[in-house]
Amino acid sequence: MAGKRAKEDKKKTNGGNLGFEEKLWQAADKMRGHMDPAEYKHIVLGLIFLKYISDAF
């Protein structure tokens, strides 16, 4: 019985789901608007690079 409960708890919390992902995705959609995905990737890659540098230092 304890093993089944542990599996259920593991499904509910995967460690990566903090509850803000949906709002973050909606914000990204609003920022992108009607921009072509090929152009938007430059913005996103720049933000990812800045996050990486911020974490590194």
PDB file of N, CA and C in Angstrom:
ATOM      1  N   MET A   1       0.821  -1.191   0.000  1.00  0.00           N
ATOM      2  CA  MET A   1       0.000   0.000   0.000  1.00  0.00           C
ATOM      3  C   MET A   1       0.866   1.256   0.000  1.00  0.00           C
ATOM      4  N   ALA A   2       1.982   1.226   0.732  1.00  0.00           N
ATOM      5  CA  ALA A   2       2.854   2.402   0.787  1.00  0.00           C
ATOM      6  C   ALA A   2       3.511   2.670  -0.565  1.00  0.00           C
ATOM      7  N   GLY A   3       3.824   1.615  -1.310  1.00  0.00           N
ATOM      8  CA  GLY A   3       4.435   1.782  -2.624  1.00  0.00           C
ATOM      9  C   GLY A   3       3.504   2.470  -3.608  1.00  0.00           C
ATOM     10  N   LYS A   4       2.223   2.117  -3.530  1.00  0.00           N
ATOM     11  CA  LYS A   4       1.231   2.737  -4.409  1.00  0.00           C
ATOM     12  C   LYS A   4       1.083   4.220  -4.098  1.00  0.00           C
ATOM     13  N   ARG A   5       1.080   4.545  -2.810  1.00  0.00           N
ATOM     14  CA  ARG A   5       0.947   5.952  -2.405  1.00  0.00           C
ATOM     15  C   ARG A   5       2.170   6.755  -2.845  1.00  0.00           C
ATOM     16  N   ALA A   6       3.346   6.162  -2.752  1.00  0.00           N
ATOM     17  CA  ALA A   6       4.569   6.856  -3.173  1.00  0.00           C
ATOM     18  C   ALA A   6       4.523   7.157  -4.667  1.00  0.00           C
ATOM     19  N   LYS A   7       3.986   6.206  -5.461  1.00  0.00           N
ATOM     20  CA  LYS A   7       3.861   6.440  -6.901  1.00  0.00           C
ATOM     21  C   LYS A   7       2.898   7.581  -7.186  1.00  0.00           C
ATOM     22  N   GLU A   8       1.779   7.631  -6.457  1.00  0.00           N
ATOM     23  CA  GLU A   8       0.801   8.700  -6.647  1.00  0.00           C
ATOM     24  C   GLU A   8       1.400  10.047  -6.278  1.00  0.00           C
ATOM     25  N   ASP A   9       2.145  10.097  -5.175  1.00  0.00           N
ATOM     26  CA  ASP A   9       2.790  11.340  -4.756  1.00  0.00           C
ATOM     27  C   ASP A   9       3.836  11.772  -5.779  1.00  0.00           C
ATOM     28  N   LYS A  10       4.552  10.822  -6.349  1.00  0.00           N
ATOM     29  CA  LYS A  10       5.581  11.138  -7.333  1.00  0.00           C
ATOM     30  C   LYS A  10       4.953  11.714  -8.599  1.00  0.00           C
ATOM     31  N   LYS A  11       3.776  11.213  -8.993  1.00  0.00           N
ATOM     32  CA  LYS A  11       3.094  11.734 -10.168  1.00  0.00           C
ATOM     33  C   LYS A  11       2.662  13.179  -9.946  1.00  0.00           C
ATOM     34  N   LYS A  12       2.247  13.506  -8.734  1.00  0.00           N
ATOM     35  CA  LYS A  12       1.769  14.849  -8.433  1.00  0.00           C
ATOM     36  C   LYS A  12       2.905  15.861  -8.411  1.00  0.00           C
ATOM     37  N   THR A  13       4.037  15.472  -7.890  1.00  0.00           N
ATOM     38  CA  THR A  13       5.170  16.396  -7.794  1.00  0.00           C
ATOM     39  C   THR A  13       6.375  15.772  -8.481  1.00  0.00           C
ATOM     40  N   ASN A  14       6.738  16.319  -9.616  1.00  0.00           N
ATOM     41  CA  ASN A  14       7.882  15.777 -10.349  1.00  0.00           C
ATOM     42  C   ASN A  14       9.160  16.559 -10.065  1.00  0.00           C
ATOM     43  N   GLY A  15       9.102  17.512  -9.153  1.00  0.00           N
ATOM     44  CA  GLY A  15      10.286  18.281  -8.818  1.00  0.00           C
ATOM     45  C   GLY A  15      10.502  19.474  -9.721  1.00  0.00           C
ATOM     46  N   GLY A  16       9.979  19.441 -10.936  1.00  0.00           N
ATOM     47  CA  GLY A  16      10.167  20.535 -11.875  1.00  0.00           C
ATOM     48  C   GLY A  16       8.949  21.427 -12.003  1.00  0.00           C
ATOM     49  N   ASN A  17       7.844  21.011 -11.471  1.00  0.00           N
ATOM     50  CA  ASN A  17       6.603  21.764 -11.602  1.00  0.00           C
ATOM     51  C   ASN A  17       6.413  22.641 -10.369  1.00  0.00           C
ATOM     52  N   LEU A  18       6.644  23.932 -10.517  1.00  0.00           N
ATOM     53  CA  LEU A  18       6.536  24.840  -9.387  1.00  0.00           C
ATOM     54  C   LEU A  18       5.233  25.622  -9.386  1.00  0.00           C
ATOM     55  N   GLY A  19       4.420  25.453 -10.415  1.00  0.00           N
ATOM     56  CA  GLY A  19       3.120  26.081 -10.448  1.00  0.00           C
ATOM     57  C   GLY A  19       3.043  27.372 -11.242  1.00  0.00           C
ATOM     58  N   PHE A  20       4.130  27.871 -11.752  1.00  0.00           N
ATOM     59  CA  PHE A  20       4.099  29.132 -12.493  1.00  0.00           C
ATOM     60  C   PHE A  20       4.315  28.923 -13.990  1.00  0.00           C
ATOM     61  N   GLU A  21       4.461  27.691 -14.407  1.00  0.00           N
ATOM     62  CA  GLU A  21       4.777  27.413 -15.804  1.00  0.00           C
ATOM     63  C   GLU A  21       3.690  27.916 -16.751  1.00  0.00           C
ATOM     64  N   GLU A  22       2.434  27.715 -16.387  1.00  0.00           N
ATOM     65  CA  GLU A  22       1.334  28.146 -17.252  1.00  0.00           C
ATOM     66  C   GLU A  22       1.340  29.662 -17.429  1.00  0.00           C
ATOM     67  N   LYS A  23       1.551  30.408 -16.352  1.00  0.00           N
ATOM     68  CA  LYS A  23       1.602  31.870 -16.456  1.00  0.00           C
ATOM     69  C   LYS A  23       2.813  32.314 -17.269  1.00  0.00           C
ATOM     70  N   LEU A  24       3.915  31.624 -17.111  1.00  0.00           N
ATOM     71  CA  LEU A  24       5.125  31.942 -17.870  1.00  0.00           C
ATOM     72  C   LEU A  24       4.890  31.711 -19.362  1.00  0.00           C
ATOM     73  N   TRP A  25       4.216  30.615 -19.687  1.00  0.00           N
ATOM     74  CA  TRP A  25       3.920  30.316 -21.086  1.00  0.00           C
ATOM     75  C   TRP A  25       2.991  31.370 -21.680  1.00  0.00           C
ATOM     76  N   GLN A  26       1.974  31.780 -20.909  1.00  0.00           N
ATOM     77  CA  GLN A  26       1.047  32.817 -21.371  1.00  0.00           C
ATOM     78  C   GLN A  26       1.771  34.145 -21.589  1.00  0.00           C
ATOM     79  N   ALA A  27       2.697  34.474 -20.709  1.00  0.00           N
ATOM     80  CA  ALA A  27       3.467  35.710 -20.859  1.00  0.00           C
ATOM     81  C   ALA A  27       4.320  35.658 -22.123  1.00  0.00           C
ATOM     82  N   ALA A  28       4.907  34.507 -22.396  1.00  0.00           N
ATOM     83  CA  ALA A  28       5.718  34.362 -23.606  1.00  0.00           C
ATOM     84  C   ALA A  28       4.851  34.525 -24.853  1.00  0.00           C
ATOM     85  N   ASP A  29       3.638  33.978 -24.818  1.00  0.00           N
ATOM     86  CA  ASP A  29       2.727  34.143 -25.953  1.00  0.00           C
ATOM     87  C   ASP A  29       2.354  35.605 -26.162  1.00  0.00           C
ATOM     88  N   LYS A  30       2.135  36.333 -25.073  1.00  0.00           N
ATOM     89  CA  LYS A  30       1.800  37.759 -25.183  1.00  0.00           C
ATOM     90  C   LYS A  30       2.969  38.555 -25.733  1.00  0.00           C
ATOM     91  N   MET A  31       4.183  38.241 -25.290  1.00  0.00           N
ATOM     92  CA  MET A  31       5.372  38.943 -25.779  1.00  0.00           C
ATOM     93  C   MET A  31       5.582  38.683 -27.262  1.00  0.00           C
ATOM     94  N   ARG A  32       5.349  37.449 -27.670  1.00  0.00           N
ATOM     95  CA  ARG A  32       5.578  37.077 -29.067  1.00  0.00           C
ATOM     96  C   ARG A  32       4.559  37.735 -29.979  1.00  0.00           C
ATOM     97  N   GLY A  33       3.296  37.800 -29.533  1.00  0.00           N
ATOM     98  CA  GLY A  33       2.258  38.401 -30.363  1.00  0.00           C
ATOM     99  C   GLY A  33       2.151  37.718 -31.705  1.00  0.00           C
ATOM    100  N   HIS A  34       2.249  38.484 -32.767  1.00  0.00           N
ATOM    101  CA  HIS A  34       2.137  37.934 -34.114  1.00  0.00           C
ATOM    102  C   HIS A  34       3.499  37.857 -34.799  1.00  0.00           C
ATOM    103  N   MET A  35       4.550  37.835 -34.009  1.00  0.00           N
ATOM    104  CA  MET A  35       5.903  37.771 -34.553  1.00  0.00           C
ATOM    105  C   MET A  35       6.173  36.382 -35.135  1.00  0.00           C
ATOM    106  N   ASP A  36       6.924  36.345 -36.201  1.00  0.00           N
ATOM    107  CA  ASP A  36       7.314  35.092 -36.826  1.00  0.00           C
ATOM    108  C   ASP A  36       8.224  34.312 -35.865  1.00  0.00           C
ATOM    109  N   PRO A  37       7.985  33.008 -35.681  1.00  0.00           N
ATOM    110  CA  PRO A  37       8.832  32.218 -34.774  1.00  0.00           C
ATOM    111  C   PRO A  37      10.313  32.283 -35.114  1.00  0.00           C
ATOM    112  N   ALA A  38      10.639  32.451 -36.384  1.00  0.00           N
ATOM    113  CA  ALA A  38      12.047  32.542 -36.769  1.00  0.00           C
ATOM    114  C   ALA A  38      12.702  33.795 -36.192  1.00  0.00           C
ATOM    115  N   GLU A  39      11.936  34.869 -36.042  1.00  0.00           N
ATOM    116  CA  GLU A  39      12.466  36.094 -35.439  1.00  0.00           C
ATOM    117  C   GLU A  39      12.460  36.006 -33.916  1.00  0.00           C
ATOM    118  N   TYR A  40      11.435  35.376 -33.376  1.00  0.00           N
ATOM    119  CA  TYR A  40      11.275  35.278 -31.921  1.00  0.00           C
ATOM    120  C   TYR A  40      12.377  34.448 -31.284  1.00  0.00           C
ATOM    121  N   LYS A  41      12.918  33.495 -32.040  1.00  0.00           N
ATOM    122  CA  LYS A  41      13.956  32.634 -31.465  1.00  0.00           C
ATOM    123  C   LYS A  41      15.188  33.440 -31.071  1.00  0.00           C
ATOM    124  N   HIS A  42      15.469  34.535 -31.760  1.00  0.00           N
ATOM    125  CA  HIS A  42      16.632  35.352 -31.404  1.00  0.00           C
ATOM    126  C   HIS A  42      16.436  36.003 -30.035  1.00  0.00           C
ATOM    127  N   ILE A  43      15.235  36.425 -29.757  1.00  0.00           N
ATOM    128  CA  ILE A  43      14.927  37.017 -28.450  1.00  0.00           C
ATOM    129  C   ILE A  43      15.061  35.970 -27.351  1.00  0.00           C
ATOM    130  N   VAL A  44      14.478  34.807 -27.579  1.00  0.00           N
ATOM    131  CA  VAL A  44      14.498  33.745 -26.573  1.00  0.00           C
ATOM    132  C   VAL A  44      15.918  33.255 -26.330  1.00  0.00           C
ATOM    133  N   LEU A  45      16.686  33.064 -27.381  1.00  0.00           N
ATOM    134  CA  LEU A  45      18.063  32.604 -27.207  1.00  0.00           C
ATOM    135  C   LEU A  45      18.894  33.630 -26.445  1.00  0.00           C
ATOM    136  N   GLY A  46      18.647  34.910 -26.682  1.00  0.00           N
ATOM    137  CA  GLY A  46      19.336  35.955 -25.927  1.00  0.00           C
ATOM    138  C   GLY A  46      18.991  35.906 -24.449  1.00  0.00           C
ATOM    139  N   LEU A  47      17.714  35.689 -24.137  1.00  0.00           N
ATOM    140  CA  LEU A  47      17.287  35.598 -22.740  1.00  0.00           C
ATOM    141  C   LEU A  47      17.884  34.372 -22.058  1.00  0.00           C
ATOM    142  N   ILE A  48      17.933  33.260 -22.778  1.00  0.00           N
ATOM    143  CA  ILE A  48      18.540  32.047 -22.214  1.00  0.00           C
ATOM    144  C   ILE A  48      20.023  32.268 -21.953  1.00  0.00           C
ATOM    145  N   PHE A  49      20.702  32.938 -22.863  1.00  0.00           N
ATOM    146  CA  PHE A  49      22.123  33.233 -22.678  1.00  0.00           C
ATOM    147  C   PHE A  49      22.333  34.122 -21.449  1.00  0.00           C
ATOM    148  N   LEU A  50      21.502  35.151 -21.303  1.00  0.00           N
ATOM    149  CA  LEU A  50      21.637  36.034 -20.139  1.00  0.00           C
ATOM    150  C   LEU A  50      21.378  35.289 -18.839  1.00  0.00           C
ATOM    151  N   LYS A  51      20.426  34.367 -18.840  1.00  0.00           N
ATOM    152  CA  LYS A  51      20.151  33.555 -17.641  1.00  0.00           C
ATOM    153  C   LYS A  51      21.354  32.671 -17.322  1.00  0.00           C
ATOM    154  N   TYR A  52      21.955  32.085 -18.342  1.00  0.00           N
ATOM    155  CA  TYR A  52      23.125  31.235 -18.142  1.00  0.00           C
ATOM    156  C   TYR A  52      24.288  32.032 -17.542  1.00  0.00           C
ATOM    157  N   ILE A  53      24.552  33.199 -18.088  1.00  0.00           N
ATOM    158  CA  ILE A  53      25.641  34.041 -17.594  1.00  0.00           C
ATOM    159  C   ILE A  53      25.353  34.480 -16.160  1.00  0.00           C
ATOM    160  N   SER A  54      24.102  34.826 -15.893  1.00  0.00           N
ATOM    161  CA  SER A  54      23.709  35.246 -14.545  1.00  0.00           C
ATOM    162  C   SER A  54      23.940  34.124 -13.545  1.00  0.00           C
ATOM    163  N   ASP A  55      23.579  32.902 -13.907  1.00  0.00           N
ATOM    164  CA  ASP A  55      23.770  31.763 -13.008  1.00  0.00           C
ATOM    165  C   ASP A  55      25.237  31.410 -12.832  1.00  0.00           C
ATOM    166  N   ALA A  56      26.010  31.613 -13.895  1.00  0.00           N
ATOM    167  CA  ALA A  56      27.428  31.250 -13.846  1.00  0.00           C
ATOM    168  C   ALA A  56      28.222  32.184 -12.936  1.00  0.00           C
ATOM    169  N   PHE A  57      27.807  33.442 -12.888  1.00  0.00           N
ATOM    170  CA  PHE A  57      28.529  34.392 -12.066  1.00  0.00           C
ATOM    171  C   PHE A  57      27.672  34.818 -10.933  1.00  0.00           C
TER     172      PHE A  57
END
